[in-house]
């Protein structure tokens, strides 16, 4: 495992402008790379996921491999007709959002997740363990019921997430484990333009009605639904327009774009996110109370009340900059 001293050496090297410094993260082979302005654009700095061939051949490794299977084939194992338990309310897989089994930079990966839990979660307004956070996803995006915290499947998923983050110090972040930065516009988002982007770039995979595309065996999706009663709930992170747009910009269309070479502009990503998450689309009923503490509510969460004077519509569709500027001027929490 990489020591704290070696980790900060990487950061210090980046500060000094050293062109590149690669530090191996122990036997798993993950890497942290520091780069400067002279680095080619096609070699930007991100954390590299460890090689699955190096999963240890022991009891821990057995759980890691099972956890990876659960992330990649969630509906098969845990879906409505799951082989290991029936916890999900739909047939989506974790990897539909946590791309490449949670290993893709800017693809909602798990790189630093294990080392940052337990942590405060604004949606529940309390400290959650990593296992509780896994159940949070099962209950909202998957419209399911929580798994027992001590079951083998939960242990396997958390072991896999732990293994992916080997070498990352506790509480540390690495490049690529957040959303891709976007320039927020000065005006309200354009849902009509977002619809045009959807039917130009997204419809061939996700369908005219956002229904997604099932595999022939009807076990799970080749491309997940983006709305409808079998998609994610309004309480899900991907229902927040900025959050979803960061993901879309870095990864969609999936066969034409990468985080290094996006296809969509910031405007396209934000507007299509607004269309996908607009009131035009039907969703499962929202379960439970989300963000009960108005002081820590994200600015793009579209349900009040808020501790600022802006409307639900502006919190959802923008313009966001006045909200951010107001909150900063009053010393209020800003998150999106």
C-alpha atoms as a PDB file:
ATOM      1  CA  UNK A   1       0.000   0.000   0.000  1.00  0.00           C
ATOM      2  CA  UNK A   2       1.273   3.458  -0.821  1.00  0.00           C
ATOM      3  CA  UNK A   3       2.328   5.410   2.259  1.00  0.00           C
ATOM      4  CA  UNK A   4       1.072   8.901   3.066  1.00  0.00           C
ATOM      5  CA  UNK A   5       4.564  10.270   2.462  1.00  0.00           C
ATOM      6  CA  UNK A   6       4.735   8.792  -1.024  1.00  0.00           C
ATOM      7  CA  UNK A   7       1.237  10.074  -1.836  1.00  0.00           C
ATOM      8  CA  UNK A   8       2.130  13.617  -0.866  1.00  0.00           C
ATOM      9  CA  UNK A   9       5.347  13.316  -2.874  1.00  0.00           C
ATOM     10  CA  UNK A  10       3.144  12.901  -5.953  1.00  0.00           C
ATOM     11  CA  UNK A  11       1.166  16.008  -5.096  1.00  0.00           C
ATOM     12  CA  UNK A  12       4.337  17.979  -4.319  1.00  0.00           C
ATOM     13  CA  UNK A  13       5.861  16.880  -7.615  1.00  0.00           C
ATOM     14  CA  UNK A  14       2.835  18.171  -9.483  1.00  0.00           C
ATOM     15  CA  UNK A  15       3.173  21.491  -7.668  1.00  0.00           C
ATOM     16  CA  UNK A  16       6.819  21.795  -8.688  1.00  0.00           C
ATOM     17  CA  UNK A  17       5.970  21.060 -12.322  1.00  0.00           C
ATOM     18  CA  UNK A  18       7.678  17.697 -12.665  1.00  0.00           C
ATOM     19  CA  UNK A  19       6.504  16.370 -16.009  1.00  0.00           C
ATOM     20  CA  UNK A  20       5.365  12.992 -14.716  1.00  0.00           C
ATOM     21  CA  UNK A  21       5.750  10.903 -11.616  1.00  0.00           C
ATOM     22  CA  UNK A  22       4.126   7.491 -11.475  1.00  0.00           C
ATOM     23  CA  UNK A  23       3.894   5.717  -8.144  1.00  0.00           C
ATOM     24  CA  UNK A  24       2.862   2.081  -7.971  1.00  0.00           C
ATOM     25  CA  UNK A  25       0.092   1.402  -5.492  1.00  0.00           C
ATOM     26  CA  UNK A  26       1.241  -1.926  -4.141  1.00  0.00           C
ATOM     27  CA  UNK A  27       0.486  -5.357  -5.586  1.00  0.00           C
ATOM     28  CA  UNK A  28      -2.785  -4.267  -7.188  1.00  0.00           C
ATOM     29  CA  UNK A  29      -0.936  -2.017  -9.631  1.00  0.00           C
ATOM     30  CA  UNK A  30      -3.116   1.089  -9.367  1.00  0.00           C
ATOM     31  CA  UNK A  31      -1.314   4.304 -10.254  1.00  0.00           C
ATOM     32  CA  UNK A  32      -1.456   7.955  -9.315  1.00  0.00           C
ATOM     33  CA  UNK A  33       0.043  10.179 -11.991  1.00  0.00           C
ATOM     34  CA  UNK A  34       1.027  13.813 -11.558  1.00  0.00           C
ATOM     35  CA  UNK A  35       1.322  15.916 -14.720  1.00  0.00           C
ATOM     36  CA  UNK A  36       2.028  19.498 -15.698  1.00  0.00           C
ATOM     37  CA  UNK A  37       0.909  21.832 -18.468  1.00  0.00           C
ATOM     38  CA  UNK A  38       3.379  20.296 -20.926  1.00  0.00           C
ATOM     39  CA  UNK A  39       1.695  16.895 -20.722  1.00  0.00           C
ATOM     40  CA  UNK A  40      -0.063  15.894 -23.981  1.00  0.00           C
ATOM     41  CA  UNK A  41      -3.831  16.316 -23.893  1.00  0.00           C
ATOM     42  CA  UNK A  42      -4.350  12.582 -24.503  1.00  0.00           C
ATOM     43  CA  UNK A  43      -2.412  11.727 -21.322  1.00  0.00           C
ATOM     44  CA  UNK A  44      -4.288  13.608 -18.621  1.00  0.00           C
ATOM     45  CA  UNK A  45      -3.858  12.581 -14.993  1.00  0.00           C
ATOM     46  CA  UNK A  46      -6.236  10.032 -13.532  1.00  0.00           C
ATOM     47  CA  UNK A  47      -6.078   7.160 -11.092  1.00  0.00           C
ATOM     48  CA  UNK A  48      -5.755   3.804 -12.854  1.00  0.00           C
ATOM     49  CA  UNK A  49      -7.840   0.906 -11.565  1.00  0.00           C
ATOM     50  CA  UNK A  50      -5.889  -2.176 -10.469  1.00  0.00           C
ATOM     51  CA  UNK A  51      -5.601  -5.182 -12.774  1.00  0.00           C
ATOM     52  CA  UNK A  52      -8.232  -7.809 -11.966  1.00  0.00           C
ATOM     53  CA  UNK A  53      -5.685 -10.523 -12.744  1.00  0.00           C
ATOM     54  CA  UNK A  54      -3.945  -9.463  -9.541  1.00  0.00           C
ATOM     55  CA  UNK A  55      -6.902 -10.076  -7.234  1.00  0.00           C
ATOM     56  CA  UNK A  56      -5.353 -12.208  -4.455  1.00  0.00           C
ATOM     57  CA  UNK A  57      -5.939 -15.953  -4.427  1.00  0.00           C
ATOM     58  CA  UNK A  58      -7.334 -16.165  -0.907  1.00  0.00           C
ATOM     59  CA  UNK A  59     -10.600 -15.738   1.003  1.00  0.00           C
ATOM     60  CA  UNK A  60     -10.564 -11.950   0.537  1.00  0.00           C
ATOM     61  CA  UNK A  61      -9.893 -12.335  -3.178  1.00  0.00           C
ATOM     62  CA  UNK A  62     -12.797 -14.751  -3.502  1.00  0.00           C
ATOM     63  CA  UNK A  63     -15.148 -12.125  -2.102  1.00  0.00           C
ATOM     64  CA  UNK A  64     -13.615  -9.437  -4.317  1.00  0.00           C
ATOM     65  CA  UNK A  65     -14.276 -11.525  -7.422  1.00  0.00           C
ATOM     66  CA  UNK A  66     -17.842 -12.230  -6.309  1.00  0.00           C
ATOM     67  CA  UNK A  67     -18.394  -8.555  -5.554  1.00  0.00           C
ATOM     68  CA  UNK A  68     -17.227  -7.642  -9.043  1.00  0.00           C
ATOM     69  CA  UNK A  69     -19.703 -10.137 -10.511  1.00  0.00           C
ATOM     70  CA  UNK A  70     -22.480  -8.559  -8.466  1.00  0.00           C
ATOM     71  CA  UNK A  71     -21.616  -5.069  -9.720  1.00  0.00           C
ATOM     72  CA  UNK A  72     -21.439  -6.186 -13.352  1.00  0.00           C
ATOM     73  CA  UNK A  73     -24.448  -8.541 -13.254  1.00  0.00           C
ATOM     74  CA  UNK A  74     -26.572  -7.074 -10.463  1.00  0.00           C
ATOM     75  CA  UNK A  75     -29.941  -7.951 -11.987  1.00  0.00           C
ATOM     76  CA  UNK A  76     -28.936 -11.594 -12.544  1.00  0.00           C
ATOM     77  CA  UNK A  77     -27.870 -12.069  -8.926  1.00  0.00           C
ATOM     78  CA  UNK A  78     -30.013  -9.583  -7.004  1.00  0.00           C
ATOM     79  CA  UNK A  79     -32.840  -8.585  -9.342  1.00  0.00           C
ATOM     80  CA  UNK A  80     -36.540  -9.427  -9.261  1.00  0.00           C
ATOM     81  CA  UNK A  81     -35.669 -13.038 -10.180  1.00  0.00           C
ATOM     82  CA  UNK A  82     -32.192 -12.914  -8.640  1.00  0.00           C
ATOM     83  CA  UNK A  83     -30.152 -16.085  -8.110  1.00  0.00           C
ATOM     84  CA  UNK A  84     -28.640 -14.833  -4.831  1.00  0.00           C
ATOM     85  CA  UNK A  85     -31.511 -12.722  -3.523  1.00  0.00           C
ATOM     86  CA  UNK A  86     -34.430 -10.645  -4.726  1.00  0.00           C
ATOM     87  CA  UNK A  87     -33.585  -7.100  -3.661  1.00  0.00           C
ATOM     88  CA  UNK A  88     -33.932  -4.934  -6.784  1.00  0.00           C
ATOM     89  CA  UNK A  89     -37.197  -3.527  -8.066  1.00  0.00           C
ATOM     90  CA  UNK A  90     -35.890  -3.211 -11.617  1.00  0.00           C
ATOM     91  CA  UNK A  91     -33.406  -4.960 -13.882  1.00  0.00           C
ATOM     92  CA  UNK A  92     -30.628  -2.405 -14.054  1.00  0.00           C
ATOM     93  CA  UNK A  93     -27.049  -3.273 -13.081  1.00  0.00           C
ATOM     94  CA  UNK A  94     -24.767  -1.197 -10.862  1.00  0.00           C
ATOM     95  CA  UNK A  95     -22.397  -0.853 -13.805  1.00  0.00           C
ATOM     96  CA  UNK A  96     -25.086   0.990 -15.792  1.00  0.00           C
ATOM     97  CA  UNK A  97     -24.126   4.065 -13.748  1.00  0.00           C
ATOM     98  CA  UNK A  98     -20.823   3.014 -12.170  1.00  0.00           C
ATOM     99  CA  UNK A  99     -19.263   2.367 -15.544  1.00  0.00           C
ATOM    100  CA  UNK A 100     -16.888  -0.524 -16.248  1.00  0.00           C
ATOM    101  CA  UNK A 101     -17.652  -2.018 -12.880  1.00  0.00           C
ATOM    102  CA  UNK A 102     -16.868   1.236 -11.101  1.00  0.00           C
ATOM    103  CA  UNK A 103     -13.425   1.660 -12.693  1.00  0.00           C
ATOM    104  CA  UNK A 104     -13.910   4.339 -15.363  1.00  0.00           C
ATOM    105  CA  UNK A 105     -12.512   7.817 -14.629  1.00  0.00           C
ATOM    106  CA  UNK A 106     -15.347  10.371 -14.404  1.00  0.00           C
ATOM    107  CA  UNK A 107     -17.791   7.456 -14.696  1.00  0.00           C
ATOM    108  CA  UNK A 108     -19.073   7.406 -11.091  1.00  0.00           C
ATOM    109  CA  UNK A 109     -16.201   5.114 -10.128  1.00  0.00           C
ATOM    110  CA  UNK A 110     -15.428   3.640  -6.727  1.00  0.00           C
ATOM    111  CA  UNK A 111     -11.746   4.608  -6.596  1.00  0.00           C
ATOM    112  CA  UNK A 112     -11.689   6.514  -3.301  1.00  0.00           C
ATOM    113  CA  UNK A 113     -15.035   5.385  -1.912  1.00  0.00           C
ATOM    114  CA  UNK A 114     -13.853   2.904   0.703  1.00  0.00           C
ATOM    115  CA  UNK A 115     -11.417   5.322   2.318  1.00  0.00           C
ATOM    116  CA  UNK A 116     -14.059   8.080   2.618  1.00  0.00           C
ATOM    117  CA  UNK A 117     -16.642   6.049   4.533  1.00  0.00           C
ATOM    118  CA  UNK A 118     -18.239   6.329   7.014  1.00  0.00           C
ATOM    119  CA  UNK A 119     -19.185   9.828   5.863  1.00  0.00           C
ATOM    120  CA  UNK A 120     -21.974  12.375   6.226  1.00  0.00           C
ATOM    121  CA  UNK A 121     -24.620  12.079   3.520  1.00  0.00           C
ATOM    122  CA  UNK A 122     -26.865  15.075   3.016  1.00  0.00           C
ATOM    123  CA  UNK A 123     -29.640  13.010   1.452  1.00  0.00           C
ATOM    124  CA  UNK A 124     -30.166  11.159   4.749  1.00  0.00           C
ATOM    125  CA  UNK A 125     -28.722  13.921   6.950  1.00  0.00           C
ATOM    126  CA  UNK A 126     -26.634  11.413   8.881  1.00  0.00           C
ATOM    127  CA  UNK A 127     -23.397   9.446   8.843  1.00  0.00           C
ATOM    128  CA  UNK A 128     -23.607   6.340   6.640  1.00  0.00           C
ATOM    129  CA  UNK A 129     -21.339   3.333   6.475  1.00  0.00           C
ATOM    130  CA  UNK A 130     -20.244   2.115   3.041  1.00  0.00           C
ATOM    131  CA  UNK A 131     -22.696  -0.792   3.308  1.00  0.00           C
ATOM    132  CA  UNK A 132     -25.533   1.610   4.087  1.00  0.00           C
ATOM    133  CA  UNK A 133     -24.513   3.674   1.050  1.00  0.00           C
ATOM    134  CA  UNK A 134     -24.745   0.541  -1.124  1.00  0.00           C
ATOM    135  CA  UNK A 135     -28.282  -0.004   0.155  1.00  0.00           C
ATOM    136  CA  UNK A 136     -29.014   3.634  -0.605  1.00  0.00           C
ATOM    137  CA  UNK A 137     -28.455   2.832  -4.301  1.00  0.00           C
ATOM    138  CA  UNK A 138     -30.472  -0.368  -4.111  1.00  0.00           C
ATOM    139  CA  UNK A 139     -33.430   1.518  -2.663  1.00  0.00           C
ATOM    140  CA  UNK A 140     -33.415   4.520  -5.049  1.00  0.00           C
ATOM    141  CA  UNK A 141     -31.952   3.906  -8.509  1.00  0.00           C
ATOM    142  CA  UNK A 142     -32.975   0.242  -8.278  1.00  0.00           C
ATOM    143  CA  UNK A 143     -36.321   0.840  -6.527  1.00  0.00           C
ATOM    144  CA  UNK A 144     -35.536  -2.084  -4.247  1.00  0.00           C
ATOM    145  CA  UNK A 145     -35.357  -3.171  -0.633  1.00  0.00           C
ATOM    146  CA  UNK A 146     -32.135  -3.045   1.423  1.00  0.00           C
ATOM    147  CA  UNK A 147     -29.885  -6.068   1.718  1.00  0.00           C
ATOM    148  CA  UNK A 148     -28.933  -7.292   5.200  1.00  0.00           C
ATOM    149  CA  UNK A 149     -25.777  -5.409   6.142  1.00  0.00           C
ATOM    150  CA  UNK A 150     -24.030  -8.642   7.134  1.00  0.00           C
ATOM    151  CA  UNK A 151     -25.010 -10.829   4.174  1.00  0.00           C
ATOM    152  CA  UNK A 152     -22.349 -12.347   1.912  1.00  0.00           C
ATOM    153  CA  UNK A 153     -23.409 -10.227  -1.061  1.00  0.00           C
ATOM    154  CA  UNK A 154     -22.998  -6.976   0.855  1.00  0.00           C
ATOM    155  CA  UNK A 155     -19.629  -8.093   2.187  1.00  0.00           C
ATOM    156  CA  UNK A 156     -18.527  -9.031  -1.345  1.00  0.00           C
ATOM    157  CA  UNK A 157     -19.503  -5.660  -2.817  1.00  0.00           C
ATOM    158  CA  UNK A 158     -17.712  -3.708  -0.090  1.00  0.00           C
ATOM    159  CA  UNK A 159     -14.627  -5.942  -0.411  1.00  0.00           C
ATOM    160  CA  UNK A 160     -14.536  -5.235  -4.148  1.00  0.00           C
ATOM    161  CA  UNK A 161     -14.793  -1.493  -3.541  1.00  0.00           C
ATOM    162  CA  UNK A 162     -12.060  -1.728  -0.909  1.00  0.00           C
ATOM    163  CA  UNK A 163      -9.774  -3.620  -3.294  1.00  0.00           C
ATOM    164  CA  UNK A 164     -10.291  -1.059  -6.072  1.00  0.00           C
ATOM    165  CA  UNK A 165      -9.069   1.706  -3.752  1.00  0.00           C
ATOM    166  CA  UNK A 166      -5.962  -0.018  -2.432  1.00  0.00           C
ATOM    167  CA  UNK A 167      -3.146   2.502  -2.247  1.00  0.00           C
ATOM    168  CA  UNK A 168      -5.368   5.563  -1.853  1.00  0.00           C
ATOM    169  CA  UNK A 169      -4.921   7.067   1.634  1.00  0.00           C
ATOM    170  CA  UNK A 170      -7.924   7.375   3.909  1.00  0.00           C
ATOM    171  CA  UNK A 171      -9.995  10.509   3.161  1.00  0.00           C
ATOM    172  CA  UNK A 172      -7.934  11.226   0.017  1.00  0.00           C
ATOM    173  CA  UNK A 173      -9.330  12.008  -3.431  1.00  0.00           C
ATOM    174  CA  UNK A 174      -7.691  11.116  -6.754  1.00  0.00           C
ATOM    175  CA  UNK A 175      -8.065  12.650 -10.183  1.00  0.00           C
ATOM    176  CA  UNK A 176     -11.032  11.192 -12.019  1.00  0.00           C
ATOM    177  CA  UNK A 177     -13.127  10.203  -9.006  1.00  0.00           C
ATOM    178  CA  UNK A 178     -15.475  13.200  -9.237  1.00  0.00           C
ATOM    179  CA  UNK A 179     -17.702  14.595 -11.959  1.00  0.00           C
ATOM    180  CA  UNK A 180     -16.245  16.334 -14.996  1.00  0.00           C
ATOM    181  CA  UNK A 181     -16.245  20.118 -14.593  1.00  0.00           C
ATOM    182  CA  UNK A 182     -18.843  22.051 -16.602  1.00  0.00           C
ATOM    183  CA  UNK A 183     -19.299  25.740 -17.348  1.00  0.00           C
ATOM    184  CA  UNK A 184     -22.727  26.601 -16.002  1.00  0.00           C
ATOM    185  CA  UNK A 185     -24.732  28.929 -18.276  1.00  0.00           C
ATOM    186  CA  UNK A 186     -26.089  32.346 -17.344  1.00  0.00           C
ATOM    187  CA  UNK A 187     -29.606  31.401 -18.456  1.00  0.00           C
ATOM    188  CA  UNK A 188     -32.187  28.722 -17.734  1.00  0.00           C
ATOM    189  CA  UNK A 189     -31.523  25.350 -19.355  1.00  0.00           C
ATOM    190  CA  UNK A 190     -33.331  24.642 -22.632  1.00  0.00           C
ATOM    191  CA  UNK A 191     -35.396  21.455 -22.401  1.00  0.00           C
ATOM    192  CA  UNK A 192     -36.455  21.722 -26.061  1.00  0.00           C
ATOM    193  CA  UNK A 193     -32.829  21.815 -27.169  1.00  0.00           C
ATOM    194  CA  UNK A 194     -32.169  18.906 -24.820  1.00  0.00           C
ATOM    195  CA  UNK A 195     -34.882  16.919 -26.583  1.00  0.00           C
ATOM    196  CA  UNK A 196     -33.167  17.542 -29.930  1.00  0.00           C
ATOM    197  CA  UNK A 197     -29.851  16.357 -28.483  1.00  0.00           C
ATOM    198  CA  UNK A 198     -31.561  13.254 -27.079  1.00  0.00           C
ATOM    199  CA  UNK A 199     -33.094  12.276 -30.406  1.00  0.00           C
ATOM    200  CA  UNK A 200     -29.839  12.986 -32.200  1.00  0.00           C
ATOM    201  CA  UNK A 201     -27.407  11.263 -29.845  1.00  0.00           C
ATOM    202  CA  UNK A 202     -29.234   9.064 -27.319  1.00  0.00           C
ATOM    203  CA  UNK A 203     -32.364   7.580 -28.846  1.00  0.00           C
ATOM    204  CA  UNK A 204     -30.624   4.729 -30.699  1.00  0.00           C
ATOM    205  CA  UNK A 205     -29.572   3.158 -27.412  1.00  0.00           C
ATOM    206  CA  UNK A 206     -32.100   4.377 -24.844  1.00  0.00           C
ATOM    207  CA  UNK A 207     -35.230   4.390 -27.008  1.00  0.00           C
ATOM    208  CA  UNK A 208     -37.815   6.945 -28.056  1.00  0.00           C
ATOM    209  CA  UNK A 209     -39.552   6.688 -24.710  1.00  0.00           C
ATOM    210  CA  UNK A 210     -36.418   6.395 -22.593  1.00  0.00           C
ATOM    211  CA  UNK A 211     -37.207   2.709 -22.075  1.00  0.00           C
ATOM    212  CA  UNK A 212     -33.702   1.405 -22.714  1.00  0.00           C
ATOM    213  CA  UNK A 213     -32.847  -1.805 -24.542  1.00  0.00           C
ATOM    214  CA  UNK A 214     -33.079  -5.231 -22.920  1.00  0.00           C
ATOM    215  CA  UNK A 215     -30.832  -8.144 -23.761  1.00  0.00           C
ATOM    216  CA  UNK A 216     -32.696 -10.989 -25.519  1.00  0.00           C
ATOM    217  CA  UNK A 217     -32.759 -13.088 -22.328  1.00  0.00           C
ATOM    218  CA  UNK A 218     -34.767 -10.342 -20.567  1.00  0.00           C
ATOM    219  CA  UNK A 219     -32.541 -10.576 -17.488  1.00  0.00           C
ATOM    220  CA  UNK A 220     -31.058  -7.096 -17.724  1.00  0.00           C
ATOM    221  CA  UNK A 221     -30.405  -4.143 -20.015  1.00  0.00           C
ATOM    222  CA  UNK A 222     -27.868  -3.616 -22.732  1.00  0.00           C
ATOM    223  CA  UNK A 223     -28.720   0.086 -22.370  1.00  0.00           C
ATOM    224  CA  UNK A 224     -30.616   1.157 -19.239  1.00  0.00           C
ATOM    225  CA  UNK A 225     -33.903   3.073 -19.134  1.00  0.00           C
ATOM    226  CA  UNK A 226     -33.543   6.793 -18.490  1.00  0.00           C
ATOM    227  CA  UNK A 227     -37.109   7.354 -17.377  1.00  0.00           C
ATOM    228  CA  UNK A 228     -40.279   5.345 -16.884  1.00  0.00           C
ATOM    229  CA  UNK A 229     -41.436   3.202 -13.973  1.00  0.00           C
ATOM    230  CA  UNK A 230     -38.444   0.863 -14.339  1.00  0.00           C
ATOM    231  CA  UNK A 231     -35.847   3.632 -14.186  1.00  0.00           C
ATOM    232  CA  UNK A 232     -34.370   5.560 -11.248  1.00  0.00           C
ATOM    233  CA  UNK A 233     -36.368   7.447  -8.646  1.00  0.00           C
ATOM    234  CA  UNK A 234     -36.447  11.250  -8.285  1.00  0.00           C
ATOM    235  CA  UNK A 235     -34.386  10.805  -5.107  1.00  0.00           C
ATOM    236  CA  UNK A 236     -31.471   9.358  -7.098  1.00  0.00           C
ATOM    237  CA  UNK A 237     -28.288  11.320  -7.736  1.00  0.00           C
ATOM    238  CA  UNK A 238     -28.792  11.084 -11.517  1.00  0.00           C
ATOM    239  CA  UNK A 239     -32.054  13.002 -11.143  1.00  0.00           C
ATOM    240  CA  UNK A 240     -30.005  16.081 -10.231  1.00  0.00           C
ATOM    241  CA  UNK A 241     -29.405  17.841 -13.528  1.00  0.00           C
ATOM    242  CA  UNK A 242     -25.851  19.114 -12.985  1.00  0.00           C
ATOM    243  CA  UNK A 243     -24.762  15.781 -11.523  1.00  0.00           C
ATOM    244  CA  UNK A 244     -26.194  13.864 -14.474  1.00  0.00           C
ATOM    245  CA  UNK A 245     -24.764  16.342 -17.007  1.00  0.00           C
ATOM    246  CA  UNK A 246     -21.237  15.856 -15.639  1.00  0.00           C
ATOM    247  CA  UNK A 247     -21.629  12.111 -16.204  1.00  0.00           C
ATOM    248  CA  UNK A 248     -23.165  12.574 -19.657  1.00  0.00           C
ATOM    249  CA  UNK A 249     -20.454  14.973 -20.849  1.00  0.00           C
ATOM    250  CA  UNK A 250     -17.669  12.572 -19.832  1.00  0.00           C
ATOM    251  CA  UNK A 251     -19.188   9.365 -21.169  1.00  0.00           C
ATOM    252  CA  UNK A 252     -21.972   9.805 -23.724  1.00  0.00           C
ATOM    253  CA  UNK A 253     -22.648   8.773 -26.426  1.00  0.00           C
ATOM    254  CA  UNK A 254     -20.926   5.712 -24.994  1.00  0.00           C
ATOM    255  CA  UNK A 255     -19.419   4.557 -28.302  1.00  0.00           C
ATOM    256  CA  UNK A 256     -18.241   7.981 -29.477  1.00  0.00           C
ATOM    257  CA  UNK A 257     -17.107   9.945 -26.414  1.00  0.00           C
ATOM    258  CA  UNK A 258     -14.570   9.642 -23.623  1.00  0.00           C
ATOM    259  CA  UNK A 259     -13.756  11.922 -20.718  1.00  0.00           C
ATOM    260  CA  UNK A 260     -10.617  12.984 -22.610  1.00  0.00           C
ATOM    261  CA  UNK A 261     -12.486  13.657 -25.854  1.00  0.00           C
ATOM    262  CA  UNK A 262     -16.158  14.433 -25.137  1.00  0.00           C
ATOM    263  CA  UNK A 263     -18.557  14.738 -28.035  1.00  0.00           C
ATOM    264  CA  UNK A 264     -21.237  16.876 -26.383  1.00  0.00           C
ATOM    265  CA  UNK A 265     -20.702  20.489 -25.424  1.00  0.00           C
ATOM    266  CA  UNK A 266     -21.414  21.635 -21.867  1.00  0.00           C
ATOM    267  CA  UNK A 267     -24.685  23.129 -23.126  1.00  0.00           C
ATOM    268  CA  UNK A 268     -25.673  19.894 -24.873  1.00  0.00           C
ATOM    269  CA  UNK A 269     -24.951  17.817 -21.766  1.00  0.00           C
ATOM    270  CA  UNK A 270     -26.844  20.150 -19.441  1.00  0.00           C
ATOM    271  CA  UNK A 271     -29.839  20.548 -21.744  1.00  0.00           C
ATOM    272  CA  UNK A 272     -30.186  16.831 -22.471  1.00  0.00           C
ATOM    273  CA  UNK A 273     -29.922  16.139 -18.751  1.00  0.00           C
ATOM    274  CA  UNK A 274     -32.722  18.651 -18.234  1.00  0.00           C
ATOM    275  CA  UNK A 275     -34.852  16.886 -20.844  1.00  0.00           C
ATOM    276  CA  UNK A 276     -34.249  13.404 -19.411  1.00  0.00           C
ATOM    277  CA  UNK A 277     -35.094  14.608 -15.895  1.00  0.00           C
ATOM    278  CA  UNK A 278     -37.908  16.996 -16.830  1.00  0.00           C
ATOM    279  CA  UNK A 279     -41.524  16.825 -15.715  1.00  0.00           C
ATOM    280  CA  UNK A 280     -42.314  15.406 -19.163  1.00  0.00           C
ATOM    281  CA  UNK A 281     -41.015  12.026 -18.037  1.00  0.00           C
ATOM    282  CA  UNK A 282     -42.729   9.502 -15.783  1.00  0.00           C
ATOM    283  CA  UNK A 283     -40.686   8.058 -12.910  1.00  0.00           C
ATOM    284  CA  UNK A 284     -41.209   5.659 -10.036  1.00  0.00           C
ATOM    285  CA  UNK A 285     -42.714   7.237  -6.955  1.00  0.00           C
ATOM    286  CA  UNK A 286     -40.120   8.858  -4.713  1.00  0.00           C
ATOM    287  CA  UNK A 287     -39.739   6.898  -1.485  1.00  0.00           C
ATOM    288  CA  UNK A 288     -38.721   8.448   1.816  1.00  0.00           C
ATOM    289  CA  UNK A 289     -37.655  11.973   2.753  1.00  0.00           C
ATOM    290  CA  UNK A 290     -34.569  13.195   0.912  1.00  0.00           C
ATOM    291  CA  UNK A 291     -32.334  16.064   2.107  1.00  0.00           C
ATOM    292  CA  UNK A 292     -34.323  16.863   5.262  1.00  0.00           C
ATOM    293  CA  UNK A 293     -31.680  19.419   6.294  1.00  0.00           C
ATOM    294  CA  UNK A 294     -32.154  22.446   4.025  1.00  0.00           C
ATOM    295  CA  UNK A 295     -28.699  23.727   4.964  1.00  0.00           C
ATOM    296  CA  UNK A 296     -26.928  20.874   3.136  1.00  0.00           C
ATOM    297  CA  UNK A 297     -29.299  20.411   0.191  1.00  0.00           C
ATOM    298  CA  UNK A 298     -27.544  20.439  -3.236  1.00  0.00           C
ATOM    299  CA  UNK A 299     -28.369  23.457  -5.341  1.00  0.00           C
ATOM    300  CA  UNK A 300     -29.687  21.282  -8.213  1.00  0.00           C
ATOM    301  CA  UNK A 301     -32.081  19.264  -6.045  1.00  0.00           C
ATOM    302  CA  UNK A 302     -35.482  20.379  -7.370  1.00  0.00           C
ATOM    303  CA  UNK A 303     -37.689  19.958  -4.310  1.00  0.00           C
ATOM    304  CA  UNK A 304     -37.901  22.618  -1.610  1.00  0.00           C
ATOM    305  CA  UNK A 305     -37.857  24.027   0.930  1.00  0.00           C
ATOM    306  CA  UNK A 306     -34.525  25.867   0.646  1.00  0.00           C
ATOM    307  CA  UNK A 307     -32.649  28.270   2.876  1.00  0.00           C
ATOM    308  CA  UNK A 308     -32.361  30.755   0.009  1.00  0.00           C
ATOM    309  CA  UNK A 309     -34.965  32.826  -1.900  1.00  0.00           C
ATOM    310  CA  UNK A 310     -34.774  30.920  -5.207  1.00  0.00           C
ATOM    311  CA  UNK A 311     -37.636  28.846  -6.640  1.00  0.00           C
ATOM    312  CA  UNK A 312     -37.800  25.096  -7.194  1.00  0.00           C
ATOM    313  CA  UNK A 313     -37.732  25.753 -10.933  1.00  0.00           C
ATOM    314  CA  UNK A 314     -34.514  27.759 -10.734  1.00  0.00           C
ATOM    315  CA  UNK A 315     -32.907  25.150  -8.488  1.00  0.00           C
ATOM    316  CA  UNK A 316     -33.775  22.557 -11.115  1.00  0.00           C
ATOM    317  CA  UNK A 317     -33.186  24.343 -14.416  1.00  0.00           C
ATOM    318  CA  UNK A 318     -31.054  27.314 -13.450  1.00  0.00           C
ATOM    319  CA  UNK A 319     -29.618  29.776 -13.950  1.00  0.00           C
ATOM    320  CA  UNK A 320     -27.445  28.354 -11.185  1.00  0.00           C
ATOM    321  CA  UNK A 321     -24.829  31.068 -10.885  1.00  0.00           C
ATOM    322  CA  UNK A 322     -27.079  33.496  -8.959  1.00  0.00           C
ATOM    323  CA  UNK A 323     -27.862  30.712  -6.486  1.00  0.00           C
ATOM    324  CA  UNK A 324     -24.175  29.910  -6.038  1.00  0.00           C
ATOM    325  CA  UNK A 325     -23.182  33.567  -5.692  1.00  0.00           C
ATOM    326  CA  UNK A 326     -25.956  34.277  -3.184  1.00  0.00           C
ATOM    327  CA  UNK A 327     -25.115  31.256  -1.063  1.00  0.00           C
ATOM    328  CA  UNK A 328     -21.415  32.080  -1.048  1.00  0.00           C
ATOM    329  CA  UNK A 329     -22.124  35.699  -0.105  1.00  0.00           C
ATOM    330  CA  UNK A 330     -24.167  34.509   2.889  1.00  0.00           C
ATOM    331  CA  UNK A 331     -21.699  31.857   3.937  1.00  0.00           C
ATOM    332  CA  UNK A 332     -24.155  29.086   3.050  1.00  0.00           C
ATOM    333  CA  UNK A 333     -23.307  25.548   1.939  1.00  0.00           C
ATOM    334  CA  UNK A 334     -22.778  25.084  -1.819  1.00  0.00           C
ATOM    335  CA  UNK A 335     -22.868  21.641  -3.385  1.00  0.00           C
ATOM    336  CA  UNK A 336     -23.885  20.191  -6.762  1.00  0.00           C
END
